[in-house]
């Protein structure tokens, strides 16, 4: 599917959450194919700044900007650096931030980017086209670390079997292709009843690791909190439990809705004033019609909040989850 055919997920709900207005400034923090940017620009006479680490997406944004003279600019970089990126452009306050987490459709649909096992391609997965590739990781990381990575970031119970199979395979020849890698996983992971490909979780884990998506999300949440003006809106669409859990915890904490710690734990003292107000309890899900029209939307979850006048909370947003070792036997029925 070409970029022009890309269908943004829950775009109506995201625009409703952002409530675009004339003269305001919005950030499409994960520009991708520009679906949210276009919808916001069409909804009001506003200004949109897009951000994407992928040079292909930045190039698409430049072309799209010709249709919105003076209203759309796309910056190449990580959305976790949006405070610096926008600051360098003279912007220190915005009225809305949208995030569409994970990999974009143009990246998935191009076999040469190496994100998908649907068509064979180089095992790459780098959103920025820089740094270590997925092939570098699977050919160079130790077996134990591979198992931990697959278990923690892919929530794959058979991570030890998969890691062992990877090490055995690379001893025979380097693993360089998506099809080759997917076949290695499929040999040790049976197909589930729901029909999801056995390689799905392992590909997810590897992609998240290669692009430091969990760390980037921590930085992006904090950056949005810093940039948003009082009354500014924040909308985040996530596609798997790791992302959604992090977004949910952040918004719950920052809105004062997080559960109080047990009375048996040390008193942490008073929490900072809430920096956000939840726009709804829980996450919004795509409609049945949208799932039929765009099956990729089926796992999407939208959470949204409005910035208060309170200062940003101090310290890091959320720590990275620790490496999982104990209990990660990752096998069925105790079999190795």
C-alpha atoms as a PDB file:
ATOM      1  CA  UNK A   1       0.000   0.000   0.000  1.00  0.00           C
ATOM      2  CA  UNK A   2       1.585   3.322  -1.013  1.00  0.00           C
ATOM      3  CA  UNK A   3       1.949   6.135   1.508  1.00  0.00           C
ATOM      4  CA  UNK A   4      -0.854   8.016  -0.220  1.00  0.00           C
ATOM      5  CA  UNK A   5      -3.213   5.131   0.662  1.00  0.00           C
ATOM      6  CA  UNK A   6      -2.238   5.109   4.353  1.00  0.00           C
ATOM      7  CA  UNK A   7      -5.264   5.219   6.646  1.00  0.00           C
ATOM      8  CA  UNK A   8      -4.558   6.880  10.010  1.00  0.00           C
ATOM      9  CA  UNK A   9      -5.995   4.956  12.937  1.00  0.00           C
ATOM     10  CA  UNK A  10      -8.827   6.541  14.974  1.00  0.00           C
ATOM     11  CA  UNK A  11      -8.251   9.839  13.204  1.00  0.00           C
ATOM     12  CA  UNK A  12     -11.729  11.183  13.990  1.00  0.00           C
ATOM     13  CA  UNK A  13     -11.310  10.421  17.680  1.00  0.00           C
ATOM     14  CA  UNK A  14      -7.818  11.958  17.760  1.00  0.00           C
ATOM     15  CA  UNK A  15      -9.027  15.177  16.126  1.00  0.00           C
ATOM     16  CA  UNK A  16     -11.964  15.361  18.550  1.00  0.00           C
ATOM     17  CA  UNK A  17      -9.548  14.961  21.466  1.00  0.00           C
ATOM     18  CA  UNK A  18      -7.223  17.685  20.161  1.00  0.00           C
ATOM     19  CA  UNK A  19     -10.135  20.054  19.345  1.00  0.00           C
ATOM     20  CA  UNK A  20      -8.142  22.098  16.782  1.00  0.00           C
ATOM     21  CA  UNK A  21      -8.821  25.822  16.646  1.00  0.00           C
ATOM     22  CA  UNK A  22      -7.724  28.668  14.409  1.00  0.00           C
ATOM     23  CA  UNK A  23      -4.341  30.187  15.212  1.00  0.00           C
ATOM     24  CA  UNK A  24      -3.254  27.359  17.516  1.00  0.00           C
ATOM     25  CA  UNK A  25      -0.087  25.251  17.240  1.00  0.00           C
ATOM     26  CA  UNK A  26      -0.122  21.456  17.160  1.00  0.00           C
ATOM     27  CA  UNK A  27       2.560  18.770  17.070  1.00  0.00           C
ATOM     28  CA  UNK A  28       2.209  15.528  15.126  1.00  0.00           C
ATOM     29  CA  UNK A  29       5.007  13.858  17.047  1.00  0.00           C
ATOM     30  CA  UNK A  30       5.071  10.690  14.908  1.00  0.00           C
ATOM     31  CA  UNK A  31       4.382  12.121  11.446  1.00  0.00           C
ATOM     32  CA  UNK A  32       4.616   8.882   9.426  1.00  0.00           C
ATOM     33  CA  UNK A  33       2.422   9.387   6.360  1.00  0.00           C
ATOM     34  CA  UNK A  34       0.943  12.608   7.737  1.00  0.00           C
ATOM     35  CA  UNK A  35      -2.616  11.403   8.330  1.00  0.00           C
ATOM     36  CA  UNK A  36      -3.129  13.188  11.648  1.00  0.00           C
ATOM     37  CA  UNK A  37      -1.416  16.350  10.386  1.00  0.00           C
ATOM     38  CA  UNK A  38      -3.724  16.535   7.388  1.00  0.00           C
ATOM     39  CA  UNK A  39      -6.824  15.980   9.519  1.00  0.00           C
ATOM     40  CA  UNK A  40      -5.830  18.705  12.000  1.00  0.00           C
ATOM     41  CA  UNK A  41      -4.902  21.176   9.249  1.00  0.00           C
ATOM     42  CA  UNK A  42      -8.217  20.546   7.507  1.00  0.00           C
ATOM     43  CA  UNK A  43     -10.139  21.024  10.763  1.00  0.00           C
ATOM     44  CA  UNK A  44      -8.918  24.541  11.578  1.00  0.00           C
ATOM     45  CA  UNK A  45      -6.706  27.371  10.371  1.00  0.00           C
ATOM     46  CA  UNK A  46      -3.871  26.254  12.613  1.00  0.00           C
ATOM     47  CA  UNK A  47      -0.150  25.478  12.428  1.00  0.00           C
ATOM     48  CA  UNK A  48       1.263  21.928  12.628  1.00  0.00           C
ATOM     49  CA  UNK A  49       4.812  20.843  13.340  1.00  0.00           C
ATOM     50  CA  UNK A  50       5.517  17.235  12.408  1.00  0.00           C
ATOM     51  CA  UNK A  51       8.380  15.174  13.808  1.00  0.00           C
ATOM     52  CA  UNK A  52       9.741  11.889  12.515  1.00  0.00           C
ATOM     53  CA  UNK A  53      13.107  10.189  12.792  1.00  0.00           C
ATOM     54  CA  UNK A  54      12.584   8.439   9.452  1.00  0.00           C
ATOM     55  CA  UNK A  55      14.137  10.468   6.593  1.00  0.00           C
ATOM     56  CA  UNK A  56      11.506   9.078   4.198  1.00  0.00           C
ATOM     57  CA  UNK A  57       8.716  10.467   6.396  1.00  0.00           C
ATOM     58  CA  UNK A  58      10.448  13.837   6.637  1.00  0.00           C
ATOM     59  CA  UNK A  59      10.662  13.961   2.852  1.00  0.00           C
ATOM     60  CA  UNK A  60       6.934  13.149   2.582  1.00  0.00           C
ATOM     61  CA  UNK A  61       6.240  15.974   5.004  1.00  0.00           C
ATOM     62  CA  UNK A  62       8.161  18.448   2.877  1.00  0.00           C
ATOM     63  CA  UNK A  63       6.056  17.526  -0.151  1.00  0.00           C
ATOM     64  CA  UNK A  64       2.843  17.662   1.883  1.00  0.00           C
ATOM     65  CA  UNK A  65       3.800  21.082   3.214  1.00  0.00           C
ATOM     66  CA  UNK A  66       3.450  22.495  -0.302  1.00  0.00           C
ATOM     67  CA  UNK A  67      -0.311  21.923   0.018  1.00  0.00           C
ATOM     68  CA  UNK A  68      -0.433  23.904   3.293  1.00  0.00           C
ATOM     69  CA  UNK A  69       1.864  26.900   2.699  1.00  0.00           C
ATOM     70  CA  UNK A  70       3.243  28.270   5.948  1.00  0.00           C
ATOM     71  CA  UNK A  71       1.158  25.884   8.051  1.00  0.00           C
ATOM     72  CA  UNK A  72       3.066  22.572   8.051  1.00  0.00           C
ATOM     73  CA  UNK A  73       6.728  21.932   8.799  1.00  0.00           C
ATOM     74  CA  UNK A  74       8.185  18.479   9.394  1.00  0.00           C
ATOM     75  CA  UNK A  75      11.398  18.154  11.393  1.00  0.00           C
ATOM     76  CA  UNK A  76      13.586  15.068  11.191  1.00  0.00           C
ATOM     77  CA  UNK A  77      14.432  13.741  14.630  1.00  0.00           C
ATOM     78  CA  UNK A  78      13.132  11.709  17.559  1.00  0.00           C
ATOM     79  CA  UNK A  79       9.925  12.858  19.188  1.00  0.00           C
ATOM     80  CA  UNK A  80      11.577  12.419  22.576  1.00  0.00           C
ATOM     81  CA  UNK A  81      13.721  15.408  21.554  1.00  0.00           C
ATOM     82  CA  UNK A  82      10.739  17.565  20.591  1.00  0.00           C
ATOM     83  CA  UNK A  83      11.482  20.246  23.199  1.00  0.00           C
ATOM     84  CA  UNK A  84      14.889  20.863  21.634  1.00  0.00           C
ATOM     85  CA  UNK A  85      13.716  20.411  18.039  1.00  0.00           C
ATOM     86  CA  UNK A  86      10.871  22.881  18.419  1.00  0.00           C
ATOM     87  CA  UNK A  87      12.939  25.201  20.585  1.00  0.00           C
ATOM     88  CA  UNK A  88      15.515  25.478  17.807  1.00  0.00           C
ATOM     89  CA  UNK A  89      12.619  26.567  15.561  1.00  0.00           C
ATOM     90  CA  UNK A  90      11.492  29.194  18.075  1.00  0.00           C
ATOM     91  CA  UNK A  91       8.523  27.254  19.509  1.00  0.00           C
ATOM     92  CA  UNK A  92       8.307  26.740  23.270  1.00  0.00           C
ATOM     93  CA  UNK A  93       4.550  26.288  23.798  1.00  0.00           C
ATOM     94  CA  UNK A  94       1.996  24.295  21.832  1.00  0.00           C
ATOM     95  CA  UNK A  95      -1.752  23.711  22.059  1.00  0.00           C
ATOM     96  CA  UNK A  96      -1.843  20.023  21.241  1.00  0.00           C
ATOM     97  CA  UNK A  97       0.344  16.950  20.758  1.00  0.00           C
ATOM     98  CA  UNK A  98      -0.629  13.737  18.964  1.00  0.00           C
ATOM     99  CA  UNK A  99       1.370  10.507  19.083  1.00  0.00           C
ATOM    100  CA  UNK A 100       0.751   7.374  17.009  1.00  0.00           C
ATOM    101  CA  UNK A 101       3.157   4.873  18.510  1.00  0.00           C
ATOM    102  CA  UNK A 102       5.024   2.020  16.893  1.00  0.00           C
ATOM    103  CA  UNK A 103       5.839   1.386  13.259  1.00  0.00           C
ATOM    104  CA  UNK A 104       4.053   3.219  10.439  1.00  0.00           C
ATOM    105  CA  UNK A 105       2.279   1.615   7.487  1.00  0.00           C
ATOM    106  CA  UNK A 106       4.833   2.884   4.934  1.00  0.00           C
ATOM    107  CA  UNK A 107       7.592   1.240   6.967  1.00  0.00           C
ATOM    108  CA  UNK A 108       5.712  -2.061   7.302  1.00  0.00           C
ATOM    109  CA  UNK A 109       4.745  -2.162   3.645  1.00  0.00           C
ATOM    110  CA  UNK A 110       8.267  -1.657   2.277  1.00  0.00           C
ATOM    111  CA  UNK A 111      10.083  -5.038   2.405  1.00  0.00           C
ATOM    112  CA  UNK A 112      13.444  -3.272   2.109  1.00  0.00           C
ATOM    113  CA  UNK A 113      12.926  -1.674   5.532  1.00  0.00           C
ATOM    114  CA  UNK A 114      12.863  -5.122   7.155  1.00  0.00           C
ATOM    115  CA  UNK A 115      10.012  -4.550   9.629  1.00  0.00           C
ATOM    116  CA  UNK A 116       7.678  -7.293   8.459  1.00  0.00           C
ATOM    117  CA  UNK A 117       7.808 -11.019   7.718  1.00  0.00           C
ATOM    118  CA  UNK A 118       4.997 -10.779   5.145  1.00  0.00           C
ATOM    119  CA  UNK A 119       7.538 -10.248   2.371  1.00  0.00           C
ATOM    120  CA  UNK A 120      11.205 -11.171   2.495  1.00  0.00           C
ATOM    121  CA  UNK A 121      13.692  -8.357   2.918  1.00  0.00           C
ATOM    122  CA  UNK A 122      16.851  -7.382   4.779  1.00  0.00           C
ATOM    123  CA  UNK A 123      16.551  -7.786   8.560  1.00  0.00           C
ATOM    124  CA  UNK A 124      16.925  -4.082   9.312  1.00  0.00           C
ATOM    125  CA  UNK A 125      14.074  -2.418  11.313  1.00  0.00           C
ATOM    126  CA  UNK A 126      15.880   0.898  11.857  1.00  0.00           C
ATOM    127  CA  UNK A 127      13.392   3.774  11.752  1.00  0.00           C
ATOM    128  CA  UNK A 128      16.158   6.339  11.375  1.00  0.00           C
ATOM    129  CA  UNK A 129      18.264   4.167   9.041  1.00  0.00           C
ATOM    130  CA  UNK A 130      21.144   4.726  11.480  1.00  0.00           C
ATOM    131  CA  UNK A 131      22.763   2.654  14.225  1.00  0.00           C
ATOM    132  CA  UNK A 132      22.664  -1.090  14.785  1.00  0.00           C
ATOM    133  CA  UNK A 133      20.224  -3.085  12.685  1.00  0.00           C
ATOM    134  CA  UNK A 134      18.063  -6.005  13.773  1.00  0.00           C
ATOM    135  CA  UNK A 135      20.521  -8.322  12.023  1.00  0.00           C
ATOM    136  CA  UNK A 136      23.355  -6.880  14.130  1.00  0.00           C
ATOM    137  CA  UNK A 137      21.379  -7.696  17.280  1.00  0.00           C
ATOM    138  CA  UNK A 138      20.363 -11.274  16.436  1.00  0.00           C
ATOM    139  CA  UNK A 139      23.845 -12.156  15.216  1.00  0.00           C
ATOM    140  CA  UNK A 140      25.770 -10.481  18.020  1.00  0.00           C
ATOM    141  CA  UNK A 141      23.770 -10.660  21.257  1.00  0.00           C
ATOM    142  CA  UNK A 142      24.269 -13.467  23.760  1.00  0.00           C
ATOM    143  CA  UNK A 143      21.630 -16.166  24.098  1.00  0.00           C
ATOM    144  CA  UNK A 144      20.518 -15.150  27.579  1.00  0.00           C
ATOM    145  CA  UNK A 145      20.155 -11.497  26.636  1.00  0.00           C
ATOM    146  CA  UNK A 146      18.212 -12.435  23.517  1.00  0.00           C
ATOM    147  CA  UNK A 147      15.824 -14.523  25.618  1.00  0.00           C
ATOM    148  CA  UNK A 148      15.309 -11.640  28.056  1.00  0.00           C
ATOM    149  CA  UNK A 149      14.739  -9.167  25.229  1.00  0.00           C
ATOM    150  CA  UNK A 150      12.137 -11.368  23.511  1.00  0.00           C
ATOM    151  CA  UNK A 151      10.357 -12.134  26.786  1.00  0.00           C
ATOM    152  CA  UNK A 152      10.297  -8.574  28.101  1.00  0.00           C
ATOM    153  CA  UNK A 153       9.582  -6.590  24.939  1.00  0.00           C
ATOM    154  CA  UNK A 154       7.608  -9.222  23.050  1.00  0.00           C
ATOM    155  CA  UNK A 155       5.870 -10.842  26.031  1.00  0.00           C
ATOM    156  CA  UNK A 156       6.752 -14.135  24.369  1.00  0.00           C
ATOM    157  CA  UNK A 157       6.606 -17.114  26.749  1.00  0.00           C
ATOM    158  CA  UNK A 158       8.855 -19.276  24.587  1.00  0.00           C
ATOM    159  CA  UNK A 159      11.670 -16.743  24.494  1.00  0.00           C
ATOM    160  CA  UNK A 160      14.330 -19.212  25.662  1.00  0.00           C
ATOM    161  CA  UNK A 161      13.504 -21.711  22.939  1.00  0.00           C
ATOM    162  CA  UNK A 162      13.570 -18.938  20.355  1.00  0.00           C
ATOM    163  CA  UNK A 163      16.884 -17.531  21.568  1.00  0.00           C
ATOM    164  CA  UNK A 164      18.464 -20.998  21.506  1.00  0.00           C
ATOM    165  CA  UNK A 165      17.181 -21.584  17.973  1.00  0.00           C
ATOM    166  CA  UNK A 166      18.609 -18.225  16.869  1.00  0.00           C
ATOM    167  CA  UNK A 167      22.039 -19.048  18.268  1.00  0.00           C
ATOM    168  CA  UNK A 168      22.047 -22.494  16.660  1.00  0.00           C
ATOM    169  CA  UNK A 169      21.035 -21.028  13.297  1.00  0.00           C
ATOM    170  CA  UNK A 170      23.596 -18.233  13.280  1.00  0.00           C
ATOM    171  CA  UNK A 171      26.368 -20.734  13.986  1.00  0.00           C
ATOM    172  CA  UNK A 172      25.595 -22.194  10.575  1.00  0.00           C
ATOM    173  CA  UNK A 173      25.202 -18.880   8.711  1.00  0.00           C
ATOM    174  CA  UNK A 174      24.486 -15.232   9.589  1.00  0.00           C
ATOM    175  CA  UNK A 175      20.802 -14.324   9.898  1.00  0.00           C
ATOM    176  CA  UNK A 176      20.263 -11.479   7.454  1.00  0.00           C
ATOM    177  CA  UNK A 177      16.725 -11.779   6.004  1.00  0.00           C
ATOM    178  CA  UNK A 178      13.269 -11.327   7.520  1.00  0.00           C
ATOM    179  CA  UNK A 179      11.977 -14.536   5.974  1.00  0.00           C
ATOM    180  CA  UNK A 180      14.939 -16.502   7.285  1.00  0.00           C
ATOM    181  CA  UNK A 181      14.464 -15.089  10.782  1.00  0.00           C
ATOM    182  CA  UNK A 182      10.714 -15.700  10.808  1.00  0.00           C
ATOM    183  CA  UNK A 183      11.222 -19.324   9.782  1.00  0.00           C
ATOM    184  CA  UNK A 184      13.641 -19.869  12.682  1.00  0.00           C
ATOM    185  CA  UNK A 185      10.994 -18.658  15.131  1.00  0.00           C
ATOM    186  CA  UNK A 186       8.182 -20.624  13.494  1.00  0.00           C
ATOM    187  CA  UNK A 187      10.122 -23.862  13.897  1.00  0.00           C
ATOM    188  CA  UNK A 188       9.946 -23.608  17.693  1.00  0.00           C
ATOM    189  CA  UNK A 189       6.698 -21.673  18.266  1.00  0.00           C
ATOM    190  CA  UNK A 190       3.411 -23.320  17.227  1.00  0.00           C
ATOM    191  CA  UNK A 191       0.714 -21.270  15.548  1.00  0.00           C
ATOM    192  CA  UNK A 192      -1.848 -19.971  18.025  1.00  0.00           C
ATOM    193  CA  UNK A 193      -5.570 -20.577  17.806  1.00  0.00           C
ATOM    194  CA  UNK A 194      -6.216 -16.930  16.916  1.00  0.00           C
ATOM    195  CA  UNK A 195      -4.153 -17.318  13.753  1.00  0.00           C
ATOM    196  CA  UNK A 196      -1.468 -14.781  14.700  1.00  0.00           C
ATOM    197  CA  UNK A 197       1.853 -15.653  13.090  1.00  0.00           C
ATOM    198  CA  UNK A 198       4.236 -17.287  15.603  1.00  0.00           C
ATOM    199  CA  UNK A 199       6.954 -14.758  14.687  1.00  0.00           C
ATOM    200  CA  UNK A 200       4.851 -11.702  15.529  1.00  0.00           C
ATOM    201  CA  UNK A 201       5.932 -11.174  19.143  1.00  0.00           C
ATOM    202  CA  UNK A 202       9.601 -11.785  18.419  1.00  0.00           C
ATOM    203  CA  UNK A 203       9.583  -9.295  15.546  1.00  0.00           C
ATOM    204  CA  UNK A 204       7.868  -6.788  17.841  1.00  0.00           C
ATOM    205  CA  UNK A 205      10.480  -7.243  20.547  1.00  0.00           C
ATOM    206  CA  UNK A 206      13.367  -6.841  18.150  1.00  0.00           C
ATOM    207  CA  UNK A 207      11.892  -3.706  16.567  1.00  0.00           C
ATOM    208  CA  UNK A 208      11.246  -2.101  19.951  1.00  0.00           C
ATOM    209  CA  UNK A 209      14.807  -2.835  21.048  1.00  0.00           C
ATOM    210  CA  UNK A 210      16.495  -1.640  17.851  1.00  0.00           C
ATOM    211  CA  UNK A 211      14.657   1.696  18.009  1.00  0.00           C
ATOM    212  CA  UNK A 212      14.639   2.089  21.825  1.00  0.00           C
ATOM    213  CA  UNK A 213      10.894   2.650  21.593  1.00  0.00           C
ATOM    214  CA  UNK A 214      10.267   2.293  25.323  1.00  0.00           C
ATOM    215  CA  UNK A 215      12.905   4.857  26.221  1.00  0.00           C
ATOM    216  CA  UNK A 216      11.688   7.133  23.432  1.00  0.00           C
ATOM    217  CA  UNK A 217       8.145   6.947  24.786  1.00  0.00           C
ATOM    218  CA  UNK A 218       9.329   7.920  28.276  1.00  0.00           C
ATOM    219  CA  UNK A 219      11.124  10.937  26.827  1.00  0.00           C
ATOM    220  CA  UNK A 220       8.213  11.828  24.552  1.00  0.00           C
ATOM    221  CA  UNK A 221       5.644  11.810  27.349  1.00  0.00           C
ATOM    222  CA  UNK A 222       7.822  14.093  29.441  1.00  0.00           C
ATOM    223  CA  UNK A 223       8.481  16.387  26.462  1.00  0.00           C
ATOM    224  CA  UNK A 224       4.767  16.760  25.742  1.00  0.00           C
ATOM    225  CA  UNK A 225       4.123  17.643  29.383  1.00  0.00           C
ATOM    226  CA  UNK A 226       6.804  20.345  29.131  1.00  0.00           C
ATOM    227  CA  UNK A 227       5.602  21.840  25.838  1.00  0.00           C
ATOM    228  CA  UNK A 228       1.838  21.888  26.284  1.00  0.00           C
ATOM    229  CA  UNK A 229       0.280  25.181  27.330  1.00  0.00           C
ATOM    230  CA  UNK A 230      -2.503  25.174  29.948  1.00  0.00           C
ATOM    231  CA  UNK A 231      -5.602  23.844  28.227  1.00  0.00           C
ATOM    232  CA  UNK A 232      -3.500  22.056  25.594  1.00  0.00           C
ATOM    233  CA  UNK A 233      -4.610  18.597  24.546  1.00  0.00           C
ATOM    234  CA  UNK A 234      -2.558  15.380  24.459  1.00  0.00           C
ATOM    235  CA  UNK A 235      -3.714  12.331  22.448  1.00  0.00           C
ATOM    236  CA  UNK A 236      -1.761   9.060  22.291  1.00  0.00           C
ATOM    237  CA  UNK A 237      -2.638   6.012  20.188  1.00  0.00           C
ATOM    238  CA  UNK A 238      -0.836   2.802  21.159  1.00  0.00           C
ATOM    239  CA  UNK A 239      -0.958  -0.682  19.666  1.00  0.00           C
ATOM    240  CA  UNK A 240       0.328  -3.128  22.276  1.00  0.00           C
ATOM    241  CA  UNK A 241       0.189  -3.594  26.007  1.00  0.00           C
ATOM    242  CA  UNK A 242       3.701  -2.342  26.799  1.00  0.00           C
ATOM    243  CA  UNK A 243       3.002   1.036  25.197  1.00  0.00           C
ATOM    244  CA  UNK A 244      -0.523   1.382  26.520  1.00  0.00           C
ATOM    245  CA  UNK A 245       0.520   0.437  30.045  1.00  0.00           C
ATOM    246  CA  UNK A 246       3.177   3.139  30.047  1.00  0.00           C
ATOM    247  CA  UNK A 247       0.800   5.799  28.666  1.00  0.00           C
ATOM    248  CA  UNK A 248      -1.938   4.790  31.102  1.00  0.00           C
ATOM    249  CA  UNK A 249       0.422   4.978  34.079  1.00  0.00           C
ATOM    250  CA  UNK A 250       1.775   8.360  32.980  1.00  0.00           C
ATOM    251  CA  UNK A 251      -1.649   9.928  32.508  1.00  0.00           C
ATOM    252  CA  UNK A 252      -3.013   8.386  35.704  1.00  0.00           C
ATOM    253  CA  UNK A 253      -0.082   9.649  37.743  1.00  0.00           C
ATOM    254  CA  UNK A 254      -0.072  13.112  36.229  1.00  0.00           C
ATOM    255  CA  UNK A 255      -3.827  13.518  36.667  1.00  0.00           C
ATOM    256  CA  UNK A 256      -3.846  12.370  40.283  1.00  0.00           C
ATOM    257  CA  UNK A 257      -5.903   9.300  39.388  1.00  0.00           C
ATOM    258  CA  UNK A 258      -3.236   6.709  40.163  1.00  0.00           C
ATOM    259  CA  UNK A 259      -3.946   4.389  43.111  1.00  0.00           C
ATOM    260  CA  UNK A 260      -2.449   5.466  46.422  1.00  0.00           C
ATOM    261  CA  UNK A 261       0.469   3.318  47.650  1.00  0.00           C
ATOM    262  CA  UNK A 262      -0.211   0.712  50.301  1.00  0.00           C
ATOM    263  CA  UNK A 263      -0.357   2.027  53.861  1.00  0.00           C
ATOM    264  CA  UNK A 264       2.294  -0.577  54.671  1.00  0.00           C
ATOM    265  CA  UNK A 265       4.803   1.166  52.389  1.00  0.00           C
ATOM    266  CA  UNK A 266       6.809   4.248  53.381  1.00  0.00           C
ATOM    267  CA  UNK A 267       4.862   7.496  52.893  1.00  0.00           C
ATOM    268  CA  UNK A 268       6.175   9.089  49.667  1.00  0.00           C
ATOM    269  CA  UNK A 269       4.880  12.487  50.741  1.00  0.00           C
ATOM    270  CA  UNK A 270       2.458  14.705  48.853  1.00  0.00           C
ATOM    271  CA  UNK A 271       2.381  14.291  45.087  1.00  0.00           C
ATOM    272  CA  UNK A 272       2.899  17.309  42.825  1.00  0.00           C
ATOM    273  CA  UNK A 273      -0.195  19.131  41.634  1.00  0.00           C
ATOM    274  CA  UNK A 274      -1.846  17.324  38.701  1.00  0.00           C
ATOM    275  CA  UNK A 275      -0.362  18.456  35.402  1.00  0.00           C
ATOM    276  CA  UNK A 276      -3.138  16.821  33.348  1.00  0.00           C
ATOM    277  CA  UNK A 277      -6.892  16.277  33.467  1.00  0.00           C
ATOM    278  CA  UNK A 278      -8.126  13.063  31.894  1.00  0.00           C
ATOM    279  CA  UNK A 279     -10.558  13.642  29.022  1.00  0.00           C
ATOM    280  CA  UNK A 280     -12.091  10.229  29.635  1.00  0.00           C
ATOM    281  CA  UNK A 281     -11.645   7.287  31.948  1.00  0.00           C
ATOM    282  CA  UNK A 282      -9.969   4.375  30.259  1.00  0.00           C
ATOM    283  CA  UNK A 283      -8.946   4.005  26.642  1.00  0.00           C
ATOM    284  CA  UNK A 284     -11.078   4.535  23.556  1.00  0.00           C
ATOM    285  CA  UNK A 285     -11.088   1.705  21.013  1.00  0.00           C
ATOM    286  CA  UNK A 286     -11.698   1.769  17.260  1.00  0.00           C
ATOM    287  CA  UNK A 287     -15.218   1.183  16.048  1.00  0.00           C
ATOM    288  CA  UNK A 288     -16.256  -2.114  14.529  1.00  0.00           C
ATOM    289  CA  UNK A 289     -16.576  -0.379  11.153  1.00  0.00           C
ATOM    290  CA  UNK A 290     -13.031   0.936  11.354  1.00  0.00           C
ATOM    291  CA  UNK A 291     -11.641  -2.488  12.233  1.00  0.00           C
ATOM    292  CA  UNK A 292     -13.393  -3.970   9.204  1.00  0.00           C
ATOM    293  CA  UNK A 293     -12.105  -1.196   6.927  1.00  0.00           C
ATOM    294  CA  UNK A 294      -8.609  -1.165   8.441  1.00  0.00           C
ATOM    295  CA  UNK A 295      -7.703  -4.425  10.255  1.00  0.00           C
ATOM    296  CA  UNK A 296      -4.454  -2.879  11.531  1.00  0.00           C
ATOM    297  CA  UNK A 297      -6.549  -0.720  13.847  1.00  0.00           C
ATOM    298  CA  UNK A 298      -7.921  -3.663  15.851  1.00  0.00           C
ATOM    299  CA  UNK A 299      -5.409  -3.397  18.700  1.00  0.00           C
ATOM    300  CA  UNK A 300      -5.356   0.416  18.867  1.00  0.00           C
ATOM    301  CA  UNK A 301      -6.086   2.226  22.119  1.00  0.00           C
ATOM    302  CA  UNK A 302      -6.473   6.003  22.458  1.00  0.00           C
ATOM    303  CA  UNK A 303      -5.853   7.873  25.697  1.00  0.00           C
ATOM    304  CA  UNK A 304      -6.236  11.642  25.951  1.00  0.00           C
ATOM    305  CA  UNK A 305      -5.758  14.347  28.549  1.00  0.00           C
ATOM    306  CA  UNK A 306      -5.786  18.124  28.906  1.00  0.00           C
ATOM    307  CA  UNK A 307      -2.866  20.079  30.353  1.00  0.00           C
ATOM    308  CA  UNK A 308      -3.456  22.040  33.545  1.00  0.00           C
ATOM    309  CA  UNK A 309      -1.564  25.133  34.677  1.00  0.00           C
ATOM    310  CA  UNK A 310       0.560  23.100  37.132  1.00  0.00           C
ATOM    311  CA  UNK A 311       4.284  22.810  36.396  1.00  0.00           C
ATOM    312  CA  UNK A 312       5.671  19.594  34.878  1.00  0.00           C
ATOM    313  CA  UNK A 313       6.438  16.901  37.391  1.00  0.00           C
ATOM    314  CA  UNK A 314      10.107  16.564  38.331  1.00  0.00           C
ATOM    315  CA  UNK A 315      12.256  13.564  37.530  1.00  0.00           C
ATOM    316  CA  UNK A 316      11.940  10.892  34.854  1.00  0.00           C
ATOM    317  CA  UNK A 317       8.543   9.860  33.595  1.00  0.00           C
ATOM    318  CA  UNK A 318       8.819   6.120  34.155  1.00  0.00           C
ATOM    319  CA  UNK A 319      11.860   3.971  34.577  1.00  0.00           C
ATOM    320  CA  UNK A 320      12.662   1.374  31.967  1.00  0.00           C
ATOM    321  CA  UNK A 321      11.294  -2.005  32.941  1.00  0.00           C
ATOM    322  CA  UNK A 322      13.953  -4.217  34.422  1.00  0.00           C
ATOM    323  CA  UNK A 323      15.446  -7.179  32.644  1.00  0.00           C
ATOM    324  CA  UNK A 324      13.307 -10.263  33.167  1.00  0.00           C
ATOM    325  CA  UNK A 325      15.142 -13.348  34.281  1.00  0.00           C
ATOM    326  CA  UNK A 326      13.303 -15.000  37.146  1.00  0.00           C
ATOM    327  CA  UNK A 327      10.209 -16.884  36.144  1.00  0.00           C
ATOM    328  CA  UNK A 328      10.937 -16.541  32.441  1.00  0.00           C
ATOM    329  CA  UNK A 329      11.117 -20.221  31.792  1.00  0.00           C
ATOM    330  CA  UNK A 330       8.966 -19.344  28.777  1.00  0.00           C
ATOM    331  CA  UNK A 331       7.941 -22.915  28.060  1.00  0.00           C
ATOM    332  CA  UNK A 332       4.713 -24.866  28.082  1.00  0.00           C
ATOM    333  CA  UNK A 333       4.285 -27.542  30.719  1.00  0.00           C
ATOM    334  CA  UNK A 334       7.844 -27.161  32.008  1.00  0.00           C
ATOM    335  CA  UNK A 335       9.423 -28.526  28.837  1.00  0.00           C
ATOM    336  CA  UNK A 336      12.766 -26.948  27.878  1.00  0.00           C
END
